[in-house]
Protein backbone atom coordinates (compact mmCIF):
# COMPACT_ATOMS: atom_id res chain seq x y z
CA MET A 1 24.86 101.84 64.39
CA SER A 2 24.37 106.05 65.72
CA LYS A 3 20.96 106.81 66.64
CA VAL A 4 18.88 107.94 63.52
CA PHE A 5 17.19 111.83 65.28
CA ALA A 6 13.79 113.23 63.87
CA SER A 7 15.39 115.78 61.03
CA GLU A 8 17.41 112.58 59.48
CA ASN A 9 16.23 110.19 57.26
CA TYR A 10 16.00 106.80 58.78
CA THR A 11 16.47 105.33 54.57
CA VAL A 12 20.53 106.81 54.69
CA PRO A 13 21.58 104.44 57.33
CA VAL A 14 19.92 101.80 55.49
CA LEU A 15 21.40 102.09 52.38
CA GLN A 16 24.58 102.40 54.14
CA ARG A 17 24.15 98.87 55.49
CA LEU A 18 23.44 97.60 52.00
CA LEU A 19 26.15 99.05 50.93
CA ALA A 20 28.25 97.79 53.05
CA GLN A 21 27.27 93.87 52.23
CA GLY A 22 28.84 94.40 49.17
CA ASP A 23 28.46 91.63 46.98
CA ARG A 24 27.00 89.46 49.56
CA ASP A 25 23.41 88.50 49.22
CA ALA A 26 21.15 91.10 50.61
CA ILE A 27 17.83 90.14 49.73
CA VAL A 28 17.23 86.37 48.17
CA ALA A 29 13.33 85.61 47.04
CA GLY A 30 13.25 82.42 45.51
CA GLU A 31 16.17 81.69 42.90
CA ARG A 32 16.79 85.65 43.04
CA ARG A 33 19.97 86.91 45.14
CA ILE A 34 20.70 90.33 45.32
CA SER A 35 23.87 91.79 46.67
CA GLY A 36 23.74 94.92 49.13
CA THR A 37 25.50 96.92 46.46
CA GLU A 38 22.64 96.17 43.60
CA ALA A 39 19.83 96.57 46.34
CA ALA A 40 20.76 100.03 47.40
CA GLY A 41 21.79 100.83 43.76
CA THR A 42 18.21 100.19 43.08
CA VAL A 43 16.71 102.03 45.45
CA LEU A 44 18.92 105.28 44.92
CA ARG A 45 17.30 105.00 40.84
CA PHE A 46 13.50 103.81 42.19
CA ALA A 47 14.00 107.59 44.44
CA ALA A 48 14.82 109.19 41.32
CA ALA A 49 12.49 107.75 39.26
CA LEU A 50 9.63 108.90 42.07
CA ARG A 51 10.89 112.58 42.35
CA ASP A 52 11.49 112.55 37.88
CA SER A 53 7.73 111.91 37.90
CA GLY A 54 6.38 115.07 39.92
CA LEU A 55 6.10 113.68 43.02
CA ARG A 56 6.98 116.27 45.53
CA GLU A 57 8.12 115.51 49.26
CA GLY A 58 4.69 114.44 51.60
CA ASP A 59 2.49 113.19 48.29
CA GLY A 60 1.22 109.94 48.84
CA VAL A 61 2.71 106.77 46.68
CA ALA A 62 0.39 103.80 47.46
CA LEU A 63 1.75 100.07 46.99
CA PHE A 64 -0.37 97.44 45.88
CA VAL A 65 1.98 94.83 46.05
CA GLU A 66 2.23 90.71 46.77
CA ASN A 67 5.98 90.15 48.37
CA SER A 68 8.85 90.93 45.96
CA PRO A 69 12.05 92.44 46.15
CA GLU A 70 10.85 95.43 44.06
CA ALA A 71 8.04 96.10 46.61
CA LEU A 72 10.69 95.88 49.69
CA LEU A 73 12.84 98.57 47.92
CA LEU A 74 10.19 100.66 46.44
CA GLN A 75 9.42 101.16 50.47
CA ILE A 76 12.68 102.65 51.08
CA ALA A 77 12.76 104.14 48.20
CA VAL A 78 9.44 106.20 48.81
CA HIS A 79 10.81 107.53 52.45
CA PHE A 80 14.58 108.21 50.24
CA ALA A 81 12.86 110.54 47.93
CA GLY A 82 10.35 112.40 50.84
CA CYS A 83 7.14 110.58 49.56
CA ARG A 84 4.17 109.37 52.37
CA LEU A 85 3.76 105.52 52.09
CA VAL A 86 0.95 104.27 51.76
CA PHE A 87 0.51 100.67 52.16
CA VAL A 88 -2.85 98.90 50.10
CA PRO A 89 -3.14 95.05 51.34
CA PRO A 90 -4.44 92.69 48.88
CA GLU A 91 -7.30 91.17 51.14
CA PRO A 92 -10.20 93.61 51.40
CA GLY A 93 -12.66 94.20 48.68
CA ASN A 94 -11.97 96.20 46.02
CA SER A 95 -14.61 98.87 47.10
CA GLU A 96 -12.79 99.02 50.57
CA LEU A 97 -9.24 99.85 48.59
CA GLU A 98 -10.91 102.33 46.74
CA ALA A 99 -12.11 104.47 50.22
CA LEU A 100 -8.70 103.43 51.19
CA ILE A 101 -6.58 105.34 48.22
CA ARG A 102 -9.21 108.40 47.98
CA ARG A 103 -8.88 109.17 51.79
CA ALA A 104 -5.16 108.57 51.68
CA ASP A 105 -5.06 111.50 48.83
CA VAL A 106 -3.12 109.48 46.54
CA LYS A 107 -0.60 110.89 43.58
CA MET A 108 0.95 107.49 42.87
CA LEU A 109 -0.06 103.87 42.45
CA LEU A 110 1.90 101.23 41.85
CA PHE A 111 0.37 97.85 41.51
CA ASP A 112 2.20 94.48 41.47
CA PRO A 113 0.98 93.10 37.90
CA VAL A 114 -0.93 90.30 39.52
CA PHE A 115 -3.61 92.59 40.88
CA GLU A 116 -3.68 94.26 37.41
CA GLU A 117 -7.97 93.39 37.24
CA ARG A 118 -8.14 94.92 40.77
CA THR A 119 -6.12 97.68 39.78
CA ARG A 120 -8.63 97.97 36.64
CA ARG A 121 -11.49 98.41 38.49
CA ILE A 122 -10.11 100.69 40.97
CA THR A 123 -8.71 103.25 38.94
CA GLU A 124 -11.96 103.39 37.03
CA ARG A 125 -13.51 104.45 40.07
CA THR A 126 -10.68 106.53 41.45
CA ASP A 127 -8.38 109.58 40.17
CA ILE A 128 -5.32 108.87 40.90
CA PRO A 129 -2.93 111.21 38.49
CA HIS A 130 0.32 108.44 38.34
CA VAL A 131 -0.44 104.70 38.21
CA LEU A 132 2.44 102.00 37.27
CA GLY A 133 2.86 98.52 37.43
CA ILE A 134 6.01 97.17 38.94
CA GLY A 135 6.41 94.82 35.85
CA ALA A 136 4.98 94.57 32.47
CA SER A 137 1.25 94.98 32.67
CA SER A 138 -1.27 95.97 29.92
CA LEU A 139 -2.84 98.65 32.10
CA ALA A 140 0.07 101.36 32.71
CA ASP A 141 3.56 102.19 32.08
CA ASP A 142 6.22 99.59 34.04
CA PHE A 143 8.00 101.92 36.49
CA LEU A 144 10.45 99.04 36.89
CA VAL A 145 11.91 100.23 32.81
CA THR A 146 11.21 103.81 33.98
CA ALA A 147 13.66 103.46 36.94
CA SER A 148 16.62 101.48 34.81
CA GLU A 149 16.70 104.69 32.71
CA SER A 150 18.00 106.91 35.56
CA ALA A 151 21.28 107.37 36.60
CA GLY A 152 20.10 107.56 40.59
CA LEU A 153 19.66 109.68 43.30
CA PRO A 154 23.21 110.31 45.67
CA LEU A 155 22.85 109.15 49.44
CA HIS A 156 23.19 113.34 50.45
CA ALA A 157 19.89 113.84 48.61
CA ALA A 158 17.62 111.89 51.12
CA ALA A 159 14.75 114.57 51.53
CA ASP A 160 14.39 115.85 55.84
CA GLY A 161 13.34 112.84 58.27
CA ARG A 162 10.60 114.80 59.75
CA HIS A 163 8.45 115.16 56.15
CA LEU A 164 8.25 111.10 56.73
CA ALA A 165 5.21 109.35 56.98
CA THR A 166 3.21 105.84 56.53
CA LEU A 167 0.24 104.83 56.57
CA LEU A 168 -1.10 101.27 57.62
CA TYR A 169 -4.75 100.42 57.08
CA THR A 170 -6.60 99.19 60.04
CA GLY A 171 -10.37 98.39 58.99
CA GLY A 172 -12.26 100.44 60.09
CA THR A 173 -16.43 100.64 58.89
CA THR A 174 -17.27 100.06 55.55
CA GLY A 175 -16.12 102.68 53.38
CA LEU A 176 -14.81 104.64 55.65
CA PRO A 177 -11.20 102.85 56.43
CA LYS A 178 -8.93 103.90 59.21
CA LEU A 179 -5.39 104.49 58.57
CA VAL A 180 -2.65 104.51 61.18
CA VAL A 181 -0.03 107.36 60.57
CA HIS A 182 3.74 106.68 61.41
CA ARG A 183 6.53 109.18 61.10
CA SER A 184 10.09 108.97 62.12
CA SER A 185 10.21 107.90 65.85
CA PHE A 186 8.61 104.29 64.43
CA TYR A 187 11.84 103.88 62.24
CA ASP A 188 13.83 105.31 65.27
CA ASP A 189 12.53 102.19 67.50
CA HIS A 190 13.46 99.65 64.46
CA ALA A 191 16.78 100.75 64.09
CA ARG A 192 17.47 101.03 68.60
CA ILE A 193 16.02 97.03 68.02
CA ALA A 194 18.38 95.87 65.22
CA THR A 195 21.30 97.37 66.74
CA GLU A 196 20.59 95.65 70.58
CA ARG A 197 19.11 92.34 69.37
CA TYR A 198 19.71 91.44 65.86
CA ALA A 199 23.97 92.96 65.10
CA GLY A 200 25.74 90.09 66.79
CA GLU A 201 24.71 87.38 64.25
CA ALA A 202 24.51 90.03 61.47
CA SER A 203 27.56 88.65 59.62
CA SER A 204 26.26 85.00 59.17
CA GLY A 205 22.70 85.46 59.75
CA ALA A 206 19.41 84.86 57.67
CA LEU A 207 16.10 86.31 58.07
CA LEU A 208 12.63 84.69 56.23
CA VAL A 209 10.14 87.54 56.42
CA CYS A 210 7.24 85.53 55.53
CA THR A 211 4.03 87.94 56.59
CA LEU A 212 3.01 90.82 53.88
CA LEU A 213 5.52 93.34 53.69
CA THR A 214 1.82 95.74 53.43
CA HIS A 215 1.80 94.92 57.02
CA SER A 216 3.60 96.42 59.94
CA SER A 217 5.03 92.86 60.76
CA GLY A 218 6.68 92.13 57.17
CA HIS A 219 7.50 96.29 56.99
CA GLY A 220 9.43 96.21 60.38
CA GLY A 221 10.93 92.68 59.72
CA PHE A 222 13.26 93.22 57.10
CA LEU A 223 13.88 96.83 58.00
CA LYS A 224 15.37 95.02 60.96
CA GLY A 225 17.10 92.65 58.90
CA ILE A 226 19.14 95.41 56.54
CA LEU A 227 19.65 97.41 59.58
CA SER A 228 21.37 94.74 61.25
CA GLY A 229 22.99 93.68 58.17
CA HIS A 230 20.86 90.19 58.24
CA THR A 231 20.65 88.46 54.78
CA VAL A 232 16.72 88.74 54.12
CA VAL A 233 15.03 85.51 52.78
CA LEU A 234 11.25 86.57 51.06
CA LEU A 235 8.37 84.26 50.69
CA ARG A 236 5.74 86.09 48.10
CA THR A 237 3.17 84.20 49.97
CA PHE A 238 3.08 82.08 52.83
CA ASP A 239 2.99 77.91 52.52
CA ALA A 240 4.30 75.92 55.21
CA GLY A 241 6.18 73.80 53.18
CA THR A 242 7.81 76.04 51.34
CA ALA A 243 8.87 78.01 54.66
CA LEU A 244 10.24 74.70 56.28
CA SER A 245 12.31 73.86 53.10
CA VAL A 246 13.97 77.21 52.92
CA MET A 247 14.91 77.43 56.98
CA ASP A 248 16.20 74.42 55.68
CA SER A 249 18.19 75.43 52.23
CA GLU A 250 19.05 79.01 53.79
CA ARG A 251 20.60 78.14 56.99
CA ILE A 252 17.52 80.46 58.45
CA THR A 253 18.61 81.95 61.52
CA ARG A 254 15.85 84.53 62.46
CA VAL A 255 12.29 83.97 61.16
CA ILE A 256 8.94 86.63 61.72
CA LEU A 257 5.67 84.85 61.39
CA VAL A 258 2.12 85.67 62.32
CA THR A 259 0.57 82.87 64.90
CA PRO A 260 -1.14 80.85 62.38
CA MET A 261 1.78 80.58 60.13
CA LEU A 262 3.49 78.73 63.51
CA TYR A 263 0.66 76.63 63.56
CA GLU A 264 0.62 75.61 60.24
CA LEU A 265 4.11 74.89 60.42
CA LEU A 266 3.60 72.94 63.07
CA GLY A 267 0.81 70.65 61.42
CA HIS A 268 2.81 70.00 58.56
CA PRO A 269 4.69 66.58 58.36
CA ASP A 270 8.61 68.32 57.50
CA CYS A 271 8.33 70.00 60.45
CA VAL A 272 9.95 67.64 62.55
CA PRO A 273 13.12 68.50 65.63
CA GLY A 274 16.77 68.80 64.57
CA ARG A 275 16.30 69.94 61.29
CA PHE A 276 16.91 74.04 61.87
CA PRO A 277 20.00 73.56 64.14
CA ALA A 278 20.92 77.40 62.32
CA LEU A 279 17.79 78.58 64.15
CA THR A 280 18.47 81.66 66.97
CA SER A 281 15.13 82.84 67.08
CA LEU A 282 11.25 82.27 66.12
CA THR A 283 9.46 85.30 66.35
CA TYR A 284 5.33 85.41 66.81
CA THR A 285 3.49 88.11 66.45
CA GLY A 286 -0.34 89.45 65.35
CA ALA A 287 -2.54 87.25 67.46
CA ALA A 288 -1.27 84.95 70.63
CA ALA A 289 -0.27 81.77 70.55
CA SER A 290 -2.13 79.06 72.54
CA PRO A 291 0.40 77.11 75.72
CA GLU A 292 -0.23 73.66 74.11
CA ARG A 293 0.99 74.87 70.26
CA LEU A 294 4.06 76.74 72.11
CA ARG A 295 5.08 73.17 73.68
CA GLN A 296 4.76 72.04 70.43
CA ALA A 297 6.98 74.66 69.00
CA MET A 298 9.45 74.29 71.68
CA ALA A 299 9.95 70.90 71.10
CA CYS A 300 10.09 70.93 67.08
CA PHE A 301 12.37 74.15 67.30
CA GLY A 302 13.70 74.14 70.63
CA PRO A 303 14.11 77.32 72.98
CA VAL A 304 13.61 79.93 70.01
CA LEU A 305 10.44 81.64 70.50
CA HIS A 306 10.26 85.02 70.59
CA GLN A 307 6.56 86.81 71.00
CA ILE A 308 6.10 90.09 70.28
CA TYR A 309 2.75 91.67 71.55
CA GLY A 310 1.46 95.00 69.71
CA ALA A 311 -0.51 96.65 66.83
CA SER A 312 -0.46 98.63 63.97
CA GLU A 313 -1.50 101.46 66.08
CA ASP A 314 1.24 101.44 69.03
CA GLY A 315 3.97 99.51 67.80
CA LEU A 316 5.99 96.99 69.75
CA VAL A 317 4.29 96.98 73.16
CA THR A 318 5.51 93.60 75.52
CA GLN A 319 7.76 90.88 74.17
CA LEU A 320 8.46 87.55 75.93
CA GLY A 321 12.23 86.13 75.03
CA PRO A 322 12.80 82.67 74.38
CA GLU A 323 14.50 82.14 78.15
CA GLU A 324 10.82 83.33 79.34
CA HIS A 325 8.97 80.51 77.64
CA ASP A 326 9.61 78.18 80.20
CA PRO A 327 7.33 75.20 80.72
CA GLN A 328 8.27 73.96 84.27
CA ARG A 329 6.52 77.56 84.75
CA PRO A 330 2.92 76.79 82.33
CA GLU A 331 1.68 80.46 83.45
CA SER A 332 4.81 81.94 81.57
CA LEU A 333 3.12 80.49 78.63
CA THR A 334 0.08 82.25 78.80
CA SER A 335 2.14 85.53 79.23
CA CYS A 336 2.91 88.05 76.25
CA GLY A 337 5.67 89.19 77.77
CA ARG A 338 6.29 92.42 79.95
CA PRO A 339 6.79 96.06 78.30
CA ALA A 340 9.80 96.57 75.69
CA PRO A 341 12.43 99.32 76.31
CA GLY A 342 10.69 102.82 76.47
CA VAL A 343 7.11 101.61 76.74
CA GLU A 344 4.63 102.63 79.13
CA VAL A 345 1.43 100.48 80.11
CA GLU A 346 -1.34 100.83 82.36
CA LEU A 347 -4.63 98.59 83.26
CA ARG A 348 -7.63 101.02 83.94
CA ASP A 349 -11.45 100.18 84.69
CA GLU A 350 -14.45 101.31 82.71
CA GLU A 351 -13.87 104.84 84.86
CA GLY A 352 -10.42 105.13 83.60
CA LYS A 353 -8.64 104.53 87.00
CA PRO A 354 -5.95 102.30 87.87
CA VAL A 355 -6.75 98.35 88.59
CA PRO A 356 -5.29 96.18 91.38
CA VAL A 357 -1.99 94.25 90.57
CA GLY A 358 -3.58 91.09 89.31
CA GLU A 359 -7.29 92.50 88.50
CA PRO A 360 -8.12 92.58 84.53
CA GLY A 361 -8.64 96.30 82.75
CA GLU A 362 -8.22 97.50 79.85
CA LEU A 363 -4.39 98.17 78.09
CA TYR A 364 -3.23 101.91 77.88
CA VAL A 365 -0.18 101.95 75.89
CA ARG A 366 2.09 105.37 75.74
CA SER A 367 5.51 104.56 73.84
CA PRO A 368 8.02 106.48 70.90
CA THR A 369 6.10 103.95 68.05
CA VAL A 370 2.62 104.80 68.87
CA MET A 371 0.76 106.80 66.07
CA GLU A 372 0.33 110.14 65.56
CA GLY A 373 -2.83 109.34 64.92
CA TYR A 374 -5.33 108.04 62.33
CA TRP A 375 -5.02 110.15 59.19
CA ASN A 376 -7.26 113.38 58.48
CA ASP A 377 -9.50 111.69 61.27
CA PRO A 378 -9.44 113.53 64.32
CA GLU A 379 -12.71 112.27 65.89
CA ARG A 380 -11.55 108.55 65.80
CA THR A 381 -7.92 109.60 67.00
CA ALA A 382 -9.66 111.19 70.03
CA GLU A 383 -11.87 107.75 70.87
CA VAL A 384 -8.85 106.43 71.35
CA LEU A 385 -5.31 108.84 71.96
CA ASP A 386 -5.26 111.66 74.59
CA ASP A 387 -3.32 114.57 74.60
CA GLN A 388 -0.74 112.97 77.25
CA GLY A 389 -0.18 110.76 74.18
CA TRP A 390 -2.05 107.48 75.69
CA PHE A 391 -3.06 105.25 73.70
CA ARG A 392 -6.45 103.16 74.39
CA SER A 393 -5.40 99.78 73.01
CA GLY A 394 -9.23 97.46 73.44
CA ASP A 395 -7.60 94.71 74.69
CA ILE A 396 -8.29 93.39 78.43
CA ALA A 397 -5.34 92.56 80.01
CA ARG A 398 -3.74 92.22 83.59
CA GLN A 399 -0.63 92.69 85.11
CA ASP A 400 1.56 90.21 87.65
CA GLU A 401 3.90 91.45 90.62
CA ASN A 402 7.28 90.81 88.21
CA GLY A 403 5.37 93.18 85.59
CA TYR A 404 4.50 90.28 83.06
CA LEU A 405 1.46 90.70 81.03
CA TYR A 406 -1.59 88.71 80.41
CA LEU A 407 -4.34 89.27 77.59
CA VAL A 408 -7.76 88.14 78.64
CA ASP A 409 -9.64 89.20 75.87
CA ARG A 410 -10.69 92.41 73.01
CA VAL A 411 -12.88 94.48 74.59
CA ARG A 412 -15.45 93.37 71.85
CA ASP A 413 -14.58 89.98 72.26
CA VAL A 414 -15.82 89.66 76.41
CA ILE A 415 -19.03 87.85 76.08
CA VAL A 416 -21.54 89.37 78.64
CA THR A 417 -23.80 86.98 80.30
CA GLY A 418 -25.42 89.11 82.22
CA THR A 419 -25.67 85.73 84.53
CA THR A 420 -23.37 87.13 87.32
CA ALA A 421 -20.65 90.20 87.80
CA ASP A 422 -18.01 88.02 85.98
CA ASN A 423 -17.91 88.07 82.26
CA VAL A 424 -16.96 85.45 80.08
CA TYR A 425 -13.30 85.59 78.30
CA SER A 426 -13.23 83.87 74.62
CA ARG A 427 -9.91 84.17 75.13
CA LEU A 428 -9.36 81.70 78.39
CA LEU A 429 -12.47 79.19 76.39
CA ASP A 430 -10.18 79.15 72.94
CA ASP A 431 -7.15 78.36 74.93
CA PHE A 432 -9.01 75.23 76.80
CA LEU A 433 -10.32 74.62 73.53
CA LEU A 434 -7.00 74.44 71.50
CA ALA A 435 -5.54 72.37 73.85
CA GLN A 436 -7.50 69.42 73.40
CA PRO A 437 -6.07 66.76 71.25
CA GLY A 438 -8.60 66.52 68.43
CA VAL A 439 -9.55 69.97 68.05
CA LYS A 440 -7.15 71.41 65.08
CA ASP A 441 -8.93 75.59 65.70
CA ALA A 442 -11.66 76.40 67.93
CA ALA A 443 -12.96 80.39 68.31
CA ALA A 444 -16.03 80.84 71.15
CA VAL A 445 -18.16 84.08 70.44
CA GLY A 446 -20.77 85.75 72.00
CA LEU A 447 -24.19 85.99 70.24
CA PRO A 448 -27.54 88.08 71.45
CA GLY A 449 -30.10 85.84 73.98
CA ASP A 450 -32.73 86.47 75.97
CA ASP A 451 -32.94 90.24 78.07
CA ASP A 452 -30.10 91.56 76.24
CA LYS A 453 -27.36 89.03 77.26
CA GLU A 454 -25.33 87.09 75.42
CA THR A 455 -24.70 83.46 75.32
CA VAL A 456 -21.36 81.69 74.81
CA HIS A 457 -20.99 79.97 71.21
CA VAL A 458 -18.82 77.58 69.99
CA VAL A 459 -16.93 77.10 66.17
CA LEU A 460 -14.71 73.73 66.16
CA VAL A 461 -12.30 72.56 63.14
CA PRO A 462 -11.48 69.27 64.66
CA ARG A 463 -8.09 67.78 63.00
CA ASP A 464 -9.96 64.95 61.56
CA PRO A 465 -12.92 66.09 59.41
CA ALA A 466 -14.38 62.43 60.23
CA ASN A 467 -13.93 62.60 64.03
CA VAL A 468 -15.71 65.19 65.69
CA PRO A 469 -15.16 65.21 69.37
CA ASP A 470 -17.98 64.38 72.04
CA LEU A 471 -19.31 67.30 72.53
CA PRO A 472 -21.48 66.51 75.80
CA ARG A 473 -18.29 65.57 77.00
CA LEU A 474 -16.49 68.28 76.28
CA THR A 475 -18.54 70.52 77.89
CA ARG A 476 -18.56 69.17 80.83
CA GLU A 477 -14.31 69.18 80.38
CA ILE A 478 -15.10 73.07 79.82
CA VAL A 479 -17.20 73.56 82.78
CA ASP A 480 -15.08 71.50 85.06
CA ALA A 481 -12.14 73.86 83.93
CA LEU A 482 -13.62 77.44 83.52
CA GLY A 483 -16.85 77.26 85.12
CA ASP A 484 -20.70 77.31 84.45
CA LEU A 485 -20.32 80.35 83.15
CA TYR A 486 -18.31 79.17 80.39
CA THR A 487 -21.15 76.23 79.04
CA PRO A 488 -20.96 76.64 75.50
CA ALA A 489 -24.80 77.33 74.05
CA SER A 490 -24.17 76.00 70.81
CA TYR A 491 -21.20 74.65 68.78
CA VAL A 492 -20.62 74.26 64.67
CA VAL A 493 -18.38 72.41 63.32
CA ALA A 494 -16.85 73.91 60.06
CA ASP A 495 -13.43 73.43 57.61
CA ALA A 496 -11.90 76.33 58.62
CA LEU A 497 -11.91 79.91 60.57
CA PRO A 498 -12.10 83.20 58.80
CA ARG A 499 -9.19 85.26 59.28
CA THR A 500 -8.14 89.15 59.81
CA ALA A 501 -5.48 90.27 57.12
CA VAL A 502 -2.90 89.93 59.61
CA GLY A 503 -3.90 86.32 60.64
CA LYS A 504 -6.00 86.46 63.37
CA THR A 505 -9.62 84.91 63.99
CA ASP A 506 -11.85 87.35 62.75
CA LYS A 507 -14.49 87.02 65.44
CA LYS A 508 -16.85 89.42 63.83
CA ALA A 509 -17.01 87.80 60.70
CA LEU A 510 -17.63 84.59 62.76
CA ARG A 511 -20.03 86.15 64.92
CA ALA A 512 -21.95 87.62 61.47
CA ALA A 513 -21.74 83.95 60.15
CA LEU A 514 -23.42 82.70 62.80
CA LEU A 515 -26.21 85.00 62.94
CA ALA A 516 -27.18 84.41 59.40
CA ALA A 517 -27.07 80.94 60.07
CA ALA A 518 -29.76 81.52 63.03
């Protein structure tokens, strides 16, 4: 496949790939099986309907959706038509979503009928010129009916690729969400990866996408699958039992998960070694995985693990391939891999100076997939992105002499005890706790103590609620392994840990809950 240059529209090669699949399945979702020809025709009808509604190039089109074939194909259609794609994830509260839509200057909101009541509230408080359902709804007209009456646009009618933009929600302060802006170079990278990594098995491969299409992992995952000619198998919502069943019945060759989903698979009774002989790659992303869980995954799925580290702001940063997940080298299971092709990294101290090899520092990234900035937010953009294109990640890492990176902590998750010059890196304690046989999940956070010092507090989720680990013994083992600095001031036993929209442990929410509970 030829490289997608800045002035070209990446959706044209995507559609060409779909058309090349002909009658072969391009998308599978439950009982639905959609051929490449049908999928391409649907995209072109969707794009025609968007233009017929009066939208112009650069206008914002927001998708408030669960995973569905229509949501997937609409993402391509919005960019084919030259509009700005705005993802509205379902996890934030209604007030935050209202702020997101206002900030993104949305001209059209397309919503999944499952979100009808939430959409009703949002539209009552915002001024959106066009609101349409993706299916029948009492709130608005059905976009699918409108699109079905269209003849569809020709392939040569694609908008100029330089006008493309995607806005990804990435939190922020309440009522002032940060919206990451990505343009054509972001999609060039997906085309490159699809060509280099996936194309060899495309004629018979099936890619399972479990993560949200409104998140970069799901959005990027399905694009790589289509660009490489895979059949994309889509779960509407994630359920471990369903995912395992589909991996078996559809003979999935590749699967994309966030790390907590991997943990759920490993904890399911149907996850047994040898059940998935077709599987060649299991990609996990979104959060670091504990070495103990990675050993379990290799025992169950075989040598197929592929870790991707990155964020909405900087795209793909590092990767750790199956051959690099080596149980004979335990340190390999604590690494997030080496920088991907075209990615530059630097580790810097608090003064912005490079740190020596092996020493921890804040990770800075420069690559074609680093965001353009935060949408209409130059002040917050300047805080993390300099004029030379270096993005300040907020992650603390170290790099060994072979170029492998090891994430130590998030800047905000470092626990400053003030006892010595050293800090407590909560990631190290998290990994230690997750390796304990009676612990299902765990997180360490810092809470205010005396004299502006922080103390270490641990939240545990036991595998068996009736069999809580021996906490004094656990403390002794922590101190023996990590040192006195890591001694927990308290433990809380919980049923589950709070999660962010992408499945990471929400330590901000955890701290708030612990403080509220005193």
